[in-house]
C-alpha atoms as a PDB file:
ATOM      1  CA  MET A   1      98.652  92.907  80.516  1.00  0.00           C
ATOM      2  CA  ALA A   2      99.909  90.930  83.479  1.00  0.00           C
ATOM      3  CA  SER A   3      98.711  87.814  84.893  1.00  0.00           C
ATOM      4  CA  LEU A   4      99.069  86.980  88.672  1.00  0.00           C
ATOM      5  CA  PRO A   5     100.288  83.044  89.453  1.00  0.00           C
ATOM      6  CA  LEU A   6      97.510  80.782  89.078  1.00  0.00           C
ATOM      7  CA  SER A   7      99.312  78.175  91.973  1.00  0.00           C
ATOM      8  CA  THR A   8     102.103  79.258  94.388  1.00  0.00           C
ATOM      9  CA  ASP A   9     105.218  76.884  94.935  1.00  0.00           C
ATOM     10  CA  ALA A  10     105.518  77.720  98.632  1.00  0.00           C
ATOM     11  CA  SER A  11     108.401  74.797  98.875  1.00  0.00           C
ATOM     12  CA  PRO A  12     111.595  75.182  99.332  1.00  0.00           C
ATOM     13  CA  ALA A  13     113.176  74.562  96.186  1.00  0.00           C
ATOM     14  CA  ALA A  14     110.803  77.525  94.932  1.00  0.00           C
ATOM     15  CA  ASP A  15     114.645  80.044  94.382  1.00  0.00           C
ATOM     16  CA  VAL A  16     112.821  83.485  95.286  1.00  0.00           C
ATOM     17  CA  LEU A  17     114.073  86.091  97.722  1.00  0.00           C
ATOM     18  CA  ARG A  18     112.426  85.627 100.756  1.00  0.00           C
ATOM     19  CA  LEU A  19     111.983  88.134 104.454  1.00  0.00           C
ATOM     20  CA  ALA A  20     113.812  85.670 105.782  1.00  0.00           C
ATOM     21  CA  ASP A  21     116.618  86.557 103.974  1.00  0.00           C
ATOM     22  CA  ILE A  22     116.532  90.321 103.726  1.00  0.00           C
ATOM     23  CA  GLY A  23     114.924  90.742 107.276  1.00  0.00           C
ATOM     24  CA  PHE A  24     112.049  92.681 107.880  1.00  0.00           C
ATOM     25  CA  ASP A  25     113.647  96.404 109.331  1.00  0.00           C
ATOM     26  CA  ALA A  26     114.165  97.369 105.353  1.00  0.00           C
ATOM     27  CA  PRO A  27     111.150  96.206 104.346  1.00  0.00           C
ATOM     28  CA  ARG A  28     109.214  97.777 107.276  1.00  0.00           C
ATOM     29  CA  ALA A  29     110.997 100.957 106.806  1.00  0.00           C
ATOM     30  CA  LEU A  30     110.019 101.393 103.353  1.00  0.00           C
ATOM     31  CA  LEU A  31     106.269 100.827 104.014  1.00  0.00           C
ATOM     32  CA  GLN A  32     106.269 103.639 106.557  1.00  0.00           C
ATOM     33  CA  ARG A  33     107.392 105.816 103.926  1.00  0.00           C
ATOM     34  CA  PHE A  34     103.786 105.386 102.928  1.00  0.00           C
ATOM     35  CA  GLY A  35     101.988 105.211 106.050  1.00  0.00           C
ATOM     36  CA  LEU A  36     101.664 101.538 105.658  1.00  0.00           C
ATOM     37  CA  VAL A  37     102.412  98.906 108.978  1.00  0.00           C
ATOM     38  CA  LEU A  38     104.409  95.511 108.496  1.00  0.00           C
ATOM     39  CA  VAL A  39     103.287  92.708 111.316  1.00  0.00           C
ATOM     40  CA  GLN A  40     105.298  90.327 110.907  1.00  0.00           C
ATOM     41  CA  VAL A  41     103.661  86.430 111.750  1.00  0.00           C
ATOM     42  CA  PRO A  42     104.979  83.686 113.479  1.00  0.00           C
ATOM     43  CA  ASP A  43     106.012  81.334 111.561  1.00  0.00           C
ATOM     44  CA  ASP A  44     103.567  78.533 112.292  1.00  0.00           C
ATOM     45  CA  ALA A  45     100.809  80.841 112.983  1.00  0.00           C
ATOM     46  CA  PRO A  46      98.326  81.916 109.556  1.00  0.00           C
ATOM     47  CA  ILE A  47      98.491  84.604 107.846  1.00  0.00           C
ATOM     48  CA  PRO A  48      96.358  87.315 107.771  1.00  0.00           C
ATOM     49  CA  GLY A  49      94.406  88.684 104.824  1.00  0.00           C
ATOM     50  CA  SER A  50      96.454  86.495 102.417  1.00  0.00           C
ATOM     51  CA  TYR A  51      94.441  86.262  98.965  1.00  0.00           C
ATOM     52  CA  TRP A  52      96.811  83.239  97.651  1.00  0.00           C
ATOM     53  CA  GLY A  53      97.674  81.909 100.751  1.00  0.00           C
ATOM     54  CA  GLU A  54     100.495  81.049 102.981  1.00  0.00           C
ATOM     55  CA  PRO A  55     103.338  82.194 102.778  1.00  0.00           C
ATOM     56  CA  GLU A  56     101.757  84.768 100.487  1.00  0.00           C
ATOM     57  CA  ALA A  57     101.661  88.229 102.444  1.00  0.00           C
ATOM     58  CA  GLY A  58      98.551  89.316 103.619  1.00  0.00           C
ATOM     59  CA  ILE A  59      96.140  92.826 103.861  1.00  0.00           C
ATOM     60  CA  ILE A  60      93.843  94.584 106.263  1.00  0.00           C
ATOM     61  CA  GLY A  61      93.195  97.743 106.052  1.00  0.00           C
ATOM     62  CA  ALA A  62      96.956 100.006 106.189  1.00  0.00           C
ATOM     63  CA  THR A  63      98.779  96.714 107.474  1.00  0.00           C
ATOM     64  CA  VAL A  64     100.786  94.572 105.312  1.00  0.00           C
ATOM     65  CA  TYR A  65     101.192  90.528 107.635  1.00  0.00           C
ATOM     66  CA  ALA A  66     104.295  88.381 106.092  1.00  0.00           C
ATOM     67  CA  ARG A  67     106.207  85.937 107.476  1.00  0.00           C
ATOM     68  CA  ALA A  68     109.781  84.864 107.528  1.00  0.00           C
ATOM     69  CA  ASP A  69     109.125  82.623 104.483  1.00  0.00           C
ATOM     70  CA  THR A  70     107.021  84.900 102.410  1.00  0.00           C
ATOM     71  CA  PRO A  71     108.396  85.791  99.079  1.00  0.00           C
ATOM     72  CA  VAL A  72     109.782  89.723  99.041  1.00  0.00           C
ATOM     73  CA  HIS A  73     108.013  89.813  95.582  1.00  0.00           C
ATOM     74  CA  SER A  74     105.342  89.136  97.405  1.00  0.00           C
ATOM     75  CA  LEU A  75     105.281  91.518 100.498  1.00  0.00           C
ATOM     76  CA  LEU A  76     105.906  94.009  97.276  1.00  0.00           C
ATOM     77  CA  HIS A  77     103.046  93.209  95.429  1.00  0.00           C
ATOM     78  CA  GLU A  78     100.574  93.435  98.703  1.00  0.00           C
ATOM     79  CA  ALA A  79     102.104  96.709  99.897  1.00  0.00           C
ATOM     80  CA  GLY A  80     101.729  97.904  96.363  1.00  0.00           C
ATOM     81  CA  HIS A  81      98.269  97.588  95.961  1.00  0.00           C
ATOM     82  CA  LEU A  82      97.361  99.362  99.262  1.00  0.00           C
ATOM     83  CA  ILE A  83     100.215 102.334  98.344  1.00  0.00           C
ATOM     84  CA  VAL A  84      97.959 102.694  95.121  1.00  0.00           C
ATOM     85  CA  LEU A  85      94.337 103.142  97.151  1.00  0.00           C
ATOM     86  CA  SER A  86      93.141 105.853  98.187  1.00  0.00           C
ATOM     87  CA  PRO A  87      93.063 106.446 102.739  1.00  0.00           C
ATOM     88  CA  GLU A  88      89.491 105.830 102.103  1.00  0.00           C
ATOM     89  CA  ARG A  89      89.340 102.489  99.944  1.00  0.00           C
ATOM     90  CA  ARG A  90      92.910 101.658 102.026  1.00  0.00           C
ATOM     91  CA  ALA A  91      90.683 101.111 105.142  1.00  0.00           C
ATOM     92  CA  ALA A  92      87.808  98.918 103.427  1.00  0.00           C
ATOM     93  CA  VAL A  93      90.607  96.245 102.276  1.00  0.00           C
ATOM     94  CA  HIS A  94      90.288  93.328 103.517  1.00  0.00           C
ATOM     95  CA  THR A  95      92.277  90.459 101.487  1.00  0.00           C
ATOM     96  CA  ASP A  96      91.398  91.188  98.632  1.00  0.00           C
ATOM     97  CA  ALA A  97      92.614  95.143  97.528  1.00  0.00           C
ATOM     98  CA  THR A  98      91.449  95.108  93.895  1.00  0.00           C
ATOM     99  CA  ASP A  99      89.075  93.854  90.772  1.00  0.00           C
ATOM    100  CA  SER A 100      90.489  96.538  88.406  1.00  0.00           C
ATOM    101  CA  ILE A 101      93.234  95.335  85.780  1.00  0.00           C
ATOM    102  CA  PRO A 102      94.516  99.058  85.208  1.00  0.00           C
ATOM    103  CA  GLU A 103      95.166  98.973  88.743  1.00  0.00           C
ATOM    104  CA  GLU A 104      96.914  95.364  88.970  1.00  0.00           C
ATOM    105  CA  ASP A 105      99.018  96.376  86.002  1.00  0.00           C
ATOM    106  CA  ALA A 106     100.394  98.736  87.471  1.00  0.00           C
ATOM    107  CA  VAL A 107     100.953  97.319  90.949  1.00  0.00           C
ATOM    108  CA  CYS A 108     103.375  94.973  88.821  1.00  0.00           C
ATOM    109  CA  VAL A 109     105.331  98.219  88.116  1.00  0.00           C
ATOM    110  CA  LEU A 110     105.224  99.512  91.501  1.00  0.00           C
ATOM    111  CA  GLN A 111     106.327  96.316  93.000  1.00  0.00           C
ATOM    112  CA  GLY A 112     110.227  96.088  90.902  1.00  0.00           C
ATOM    113  CA  LEU A 113     110.057 100.008  91.562  1.00  0.00           C
ATOM    114  CA  LEU A 114     109.774  98.777  95.616  1.00  0.00           C
ATOM    115  CA  GLY A 115     112.137  95.995  95.674  1.00  0.00           C
ATOM    116  CA  ASP A 116     115.165  99.339  94.115  1.00  0.00           C
ATOM    117  CA  ALA A 117     114.374 100.738  97.475  1.00  0.00           C
ATOM    118  CA  LEU A 118     115.480  97.764  99.402  1.00  0.00           C
ATOM    119  CA  PRO A 119     119.276  97.819 100.119  1.00  0.00           C
ATOM    120  CA  GLY A 120     120.204  94.115  98.165  1.00  0.00           C
ATOM    121  CA  VAL A 121     117.111  93.474  96.418  1.00  0.00           C
ATOM    122  CA  GLY A 122     116.472  95.863  93.511  1.00  0.00           C
ATOM    123  CA  ARG A 123     113.866  95.489  90.381  1.00  0.00           C
ATOM    124  CA  ASP A 124     115.763  92.792  88.436  1.00  0.00           C
ATOM    125  CA  ARG A 125     115.381  90.617  91.478  1.00  0.00           C
ATOM    126  CA  VAL A 126     111.394  90.840  91.929  1.00  0.00           C
ATOM    127  CA  TRP A 127     110.766  90.933  88.542  1.00  0.00           C
ATOM    128  CA  ALA A 128     112.852  87.608  88.139  1.00  0.00           C
ATOM    129  CA  ASP A 129     110.965  85.923  91.485  1.00  0.00           C
ATOM    130  CA  MET A 130     107.919  86.603  90.178  1.00  0.00           C
ATOM    131  CA  ASP A 131     108.736  84.866  86.656  1.00  0.00           C
ATOM    132  CA  THR A 132     109.838  81.723  89.071  1.00  0.00           C
ATOM    133  CA  TRP A 133     107.303  81.961  91.239  1.00  0.00           C
ATOM    134  CA  GLY A 134     104.274  81.749  87.927  1.00  0.00           C
ATOM    135  CA  TYR A 135     103.068  85.287  86.973  1.00  0.00           C
ATOM    136  CA  THR A 136     102.768  85.369  83.290  1.00  0.00           C
ATOM    137  CA  PHE A 137     102.959  88.149  81.249  1.00  0.00           C
ATOM    138  CA  ARG A 138     102.058  88.662  77.276  1.00  0.00           C
ATOM    139  CA  LEU A 139     105.805  89.011  76.190  1.00  0.00           C
ATOM    140  CA  GLY A 140     107.174  86.098  78.568  1.00  0.00           C
ATOM    141  CA  SER A 141     108.063  87.594  81.733  1.00  0.00           C
ATOM    142  CA  ALA A 142     107.960  90.274  83.988  1.00  0.00           C
ATOM    143  CA  ARG A 143     110.889  92.322  82.894  1.00  0.00           C
ATOM    144  CA  ALA A 144     109.624  92.448  79.304  1.00  0.00           C
ATOM    145  CA  TYR A 145     106.421  93.250  80.526  1.00  0.00           C
ATOM    146  CA  VAL A 146     107.468  96.589  82.376  1.00  0.00           C
ATOM    147  CA  GLU A 147     110.127  97.293  79.388  1.00  0.00           C
ATOM    148  CA  HIS A 148     107.625  96.558  76.420  1.00  0.00           C
ATOM    149  CA  ASP A 149     104.022  96.264  77.130  1.00  0.00           C
ATOM    150  CA  ALA A 150     103.247  98.398  80.186  1.00  0.00           C
ATOM    151  CA  GLU A 151     102.704 101.836  78.967  1.00  0.00           C
ATOM    152  CA  SER A 152      99.101 102.264  80.159  1.00  0.00           C
ATOM    153  CA  ALA A 153     100.399 100.896  83.837  1.00  0.00           C
ATOM    154  CA  TRP A 154     103.529 103.221  83.384  1.00  0.00           C
ATOM    155  CA  ALA A 155     100.627 106.166  82.575  1.00  0.00           C
ATOM    156  CA  TRP A 156      98.400 104.843  85.590  1.00  0.00           C
ATOM    157  CA  LEU A 157     101.766 104.984  87.842  1.00  0.00           C
ATOM    158  CA  ARG A 158     102.460 108.839  87.096  1.00  0.00           C
ATOM    159  CA  ALA A 159      98.702 109.875  86.801  1.00  0.00           C
ATOM    160  CA  HIS A 160      98.427 108.904  90.729  1.00  0.00           C
ATOM    161  CA  GLY A 161     101.763 110.320  91.081  1.00  0.00           C
ATOM    162  CA  LEU A 162     103.516 107.393  91.742  1.00  0.00           C
ATOM    163  CA  VAL A 163     106.251 108.303  89.495  1.00  0.00           C
ATOM    164  CA  ASP A 164     107.922 110.694  88.027  1.00  0.00           C
ATOM    165  CA  ALA A 165     108.439 111.624  84.641  1.00  0.00           C
ATOM    166  CA  ASP A 166     110.939 110.121  84.416  1.00  0.00           C
ATOM    167  CA  GLY A 167     109.449 106.255  85.611  1.00  0.00           C
ATOM    168  CA  MET A 168     111.498 107.007  89.139  1.00  0.00           C
ATOM    169  CA  LEU A 169     109.436 106.005  92.408  1.00  0.00           C
ATOM    170  CA  ARG A 170     107.915 108.937  94.364  1.00  0.00           C
ATOM    171  CA  PHE A 171     107.633 108.982  98.378  1.00  0.00           C
ATOM    172  CA  PRO A 172     105.172 110.901  99.740  1.00  0.00           C
ATOM    173  CA  VAL A 173     106.728 114.106 101.501  1.00  0.00           C
END
Protein backbone atom coordinates (compact mmCIF):
# COMPACT_ATOMS: atom_id res chain seq x y z
CA MET A 1 0.00 0.00 0.00
CA ALA A 2 1.17 3.52 -0.78
CA SER A 3 1.12 6.51 1.50
CA LEU A 4 1.02 10.02 0.17
CA PRO A 5 3.43 12.66 1.42
CA LEU A 6 2.76 14.10 4.84
CA SER A 7 4.26 17.35 3.65
CA THR A 8 5.81 18.62 0.47
CA ASP A 9 9.05 20.40 -0.18
CA ALA A 10 8.42 23.20 -2.64
CA SER A 11 11.96 24.57 -2.29
CA PRO A 12 14.18 24.81 -5.34
CA ALA A 13 16.49 22.29 -3.62
CA ALA A 14 13.92 19.51 -4.12
CA ASP A 15 15.51 17.66 -7.03
CA VAL A 16 12.40 16.59 -8.87
CA LEU A 17 11.41 17.04 -12.50
CA ARG A 18 9.03 19.95 -12.93
CA LEU A 19 6.85 21.07 -15.80
CA ALA A 20 9.30 23.90 -16.48
CA ASP A 21 11.83 21.18 -17.36
CA ILE A 22 9.65 19.41 -19.96
CA GLY A 23 7.09 22.02 -21.00
CA PHE A 24 3.33 21.75 -21.16
CA ASP A 25 2.82 20.48 -24.72
CA ALA A 26 3.56 16.77 -24.23
CA PRO A 27 1.67 16.52 -20.90
CA ARG A 28 -1.27 18.40 -22.45
CA ALA A 29 -1.36 15.98 -25.41
CA LEU A 30 -1.13 12.97 -23.07
CA LEU A 31 -4.00 14.18 -20.90
CA GLN A 32 -6.11 14.94 -23.99
CA ARG A 33 -5.86 11.26 -24.96
CA PHE A 34 -7.83 10.52 -21.78
CA GLY A 35 -10.36 13.32 -22.26
CA LEU A 36 -8.68 15.65 -19.79
CA VAL A 37 -7.70 19.29 -20.09
CA LEU A 38 -4.42 20.70 -18.74
CA VAL A 39 -4.55 24.36 -17.76
CA GLN A 40 -1.30 26.21 -17.20
CA VAL A 41 -1.63 28.48 -14.19
CA PRO A 42 0.52 31.65 -14.11
CA ASP A 43 3.65 31.31 -11.97
CA ASP A 44 2.45 33.66 -9.24
CA ALA A 45 -1.15 32.44 -9.09
CA PRO A 46 -2.70 29.89 -6.74
CA ILE A 47 -3.39 26.47 -8.25
CA PRO A 48 -7.13 25.73 -8.30
CA GLY A 49 -8.13 22.36 -6.88
CA SER A 50 -4.74 21.59 -5.30
CA TYR A 51 -5.27 19.15 -2.44
CA TRP A 52 -1.73 19.46 -1.03
CA GLY A 53 -1.26 23.16 -1.88
CA GLU A 54 1.19 24.76 -4.22
CA PRO A 55 3.10 23.75 -6.22
CA GLU A 56 1.09 20.50 -6.37
CA ALA A 57 -1.29 20.03 -9.30
CA GLY A 58 -5.00 20.57 -8.81
CA ILE A 59 -8.09 18.91 -10.23
CA ILE A 60 -11.62 20.12 -10.85
CA GLY A 61 -13.89 18.05 -13.07
CA ALA A 62 -11.94 16.91 -16.13
CA THR A 63 -9.37 19.69 -15.74
CA VAL A 64 -5.89 19.43 -14.26
CA TYR A 65 -4.26 22.69 -13.15
CA ALA A 66 -0.50 23.16 -12.87
CA ARG A 67 2.22 25.78 -12.88
CA ALA A 68 5.73 25.62 -14.29
CA ASP A 69 7.02 24.71 -10.81
CA THR A 70 4.56 21.82 -10.43
CA PRO A 71 6.38 18.48 -10.18
CA VAL A 72 5.69 16.20 -13.14
CA HIS A 73 4.91 13.33 -10.75
CA SER A 74 2.22 15.49 -9.10
CA LEU A 75 0.63 16.32 -12.44
CA LEU A 76 0.61 12.61 -13.37
CA HIS A 77 -0.78 11.56 -9.99
CA GLU A 78 -3.68 14.00 -10.08
CA ALA A 79 -4.37 13.22 -13.75
CA GLY A 80 -4.32 9.54 -12.79
CA HIS A 81 -7.08 10.18 -10.28
CA LEU A 82 -9.26 11.58 -13.04
CA ILE A 83 -8.31 8.85 -15.53
CA VAL A 84 -9.51 6.06 -13.24
CA LEU A 85 -12.90 7.65 -12.67
CA SER A 86 -16.07 7.17 -14.67
CA PRO A 87 -17.21 10.32 -16.50
CA GLU A 88 -19.98 10.78 -13.91
CA ARG A 89 -17.59 10.61 -10.95
CA ARG A 90 -15.01 12.74 -12.78
CA ALA A 91 -17.54 15.54 -13.32
CA ALA A 92 -18.13 15.78 -9.56
CA VAL A 93 -14.45 16.02 -8.57
CA HIS A 94 -13.19 19.17 -6.89
CA THR A 95 -9.76 18.94 -5.24
CA ASP A 96 -10.17 15.52 -3.57
CA ALA A 97 -10.74 12.65 -6.00
CA THR A 98 -11.18 9.66 -3.73
CA ASP A 99 -11.11 8.12 -0.29
CA SER A 100 -10.64 4.64 -1.78
CA ILE A 101 -7.34 3.00 -0.81
CA PRO A 102 -7.44 0.54 -3.74
CA GLU A 103 -8.02 3.43 -6.14
CA GLU A 104 -5.20 5.46 -4.56
CA ASP A 105 -2.82 2.51 -4.83
CA ALA A 106 -3.76 2.04 -8.50
CA VAL A 107 -3.09 5.72 -9.19
CA CYS A 108 0.39 5.41 -7.66
CA VAL A 109 1.16 2.67 -10.20
CA LEU A 110 -0.57 4.50 -13.04
CA GLN A 111 1.46 7.68 -12.62
CA GLY A 112 4.65 5.79 -13.45
CA LEU A 113 3.04 4.29 -16.55
CA LEU A 114 1.94 7.75 -17.61
CA GLY A 115 5.55 8.89 -17.15
CA ASP A 116 6.56 6.36 -19.80
CA ALA A 117 4.25 8.17 -22.24
CA LEU A 118 6.12 11.47 -21.79
CA PRO A 119 9.33 12.00 -23.77
CA GLY A 120 12.34 12.28 -21.49
CA VAL A 121 10.42 11.31 -18.33
CA GLY A 122 9.73 7.59 -17.88
CA ARG A 123 8.57 5.54 -14.93
CA ASP A 124 12.01 5.38 -13.29
CA ARG A 125 12.16 9.17 -12.98
CA VAL A 126 8.57 9.37 -11.73
CA TRP A 127 9.24 6.72 -9.07
CA ALA A 128 12.49 8.39 -7.97
CA ASP A 129 10.74 11.75 -7.73
CA MET A 130 7.93 10.21 -5.68
CA ASP A 131 10.55 8.98 -3.21
CA THR A 132 12.33 12.34 -3.15
CA TRP A 133 9.04 14.18 -2.60
CA GLY A 134 8.14 12.08 0.42
CA TYR A 135 5.80 9.30 -0.67
CA THR A 136 6.32 6.28 1.58
CA PHE A 137 5.89 2.61 0.81
CA ARG A 138 6.19 -0.56 2.91
CA LEU A 139 9.14 -1.79 0.87
CA GLY A 140 10.93 1.56 1.05
CA SER A 141 10.51 2.95 -2.46
CA ALA A 142 7.97 3.55 -5.19
CA ARG A 143 9.84 1.17 -7.51
CA ALA A 144 9.83 -1.63 -4.92
CA TYR A 145 6.13 -1.06 -4.31
CA VAL A 146 5.20 -1.23 -7.99
CA GLU A 147 7.44 -4.20 -8.76
CA HIS A 148 6.91 -6.31 -5.62
CA ASP A 149 3.96 -5.12 -3.51
CA ALA A 150 1.29 -3.75 -5.85
CA GLU A 151 -0.45 -6.90 -7.06
CA SER A 152 -3.87 -5.59 -6.05
CA ALA A 153 -3.19 -2.22 -7.73
CA TRP A 154 -2.17 -3.97 -10.96
CA ALA A 155 -5.32 -6.13 -10.75
CA TRP A 156 -7.43 -3.01 -10.20
CA LEU A 157 -5.90 -1.34 -13.28
CA ARG A 158 -6.48 -4.48 -15.39
CA ALA A 159 -10.07 -4.82 -14.17
CA HIS A 160 -10.75 -1.21 -15.16
CA GLY A 161 -9.18 -1.63 -18.60
CA LEU A 162 -6.29 0.76 -17.98
CA VAL A 163 -3.50 -1.78 -18.50
CA ASP A 164 -3.28 -4.93 -20.56
CA ALA A 165 -2.29 -8.39 -19.32
CA ASP A 166 1.40 -7.44 -19.69
CA GLY A 167 1.01 -4.28 -17.58
CA MET A 168 1.19 -1.91 -20.53
CA LEU A 169 -0.86 1.29 -20.41
CA ARG A 170 -4.00 1.16 -22.55
CA PHE A 171 -5.14 4.39 -24.14
CA PRO A 172 -8.80 5.08 -24.88
CA VAL A 173 -9.86 4.37 -28.44
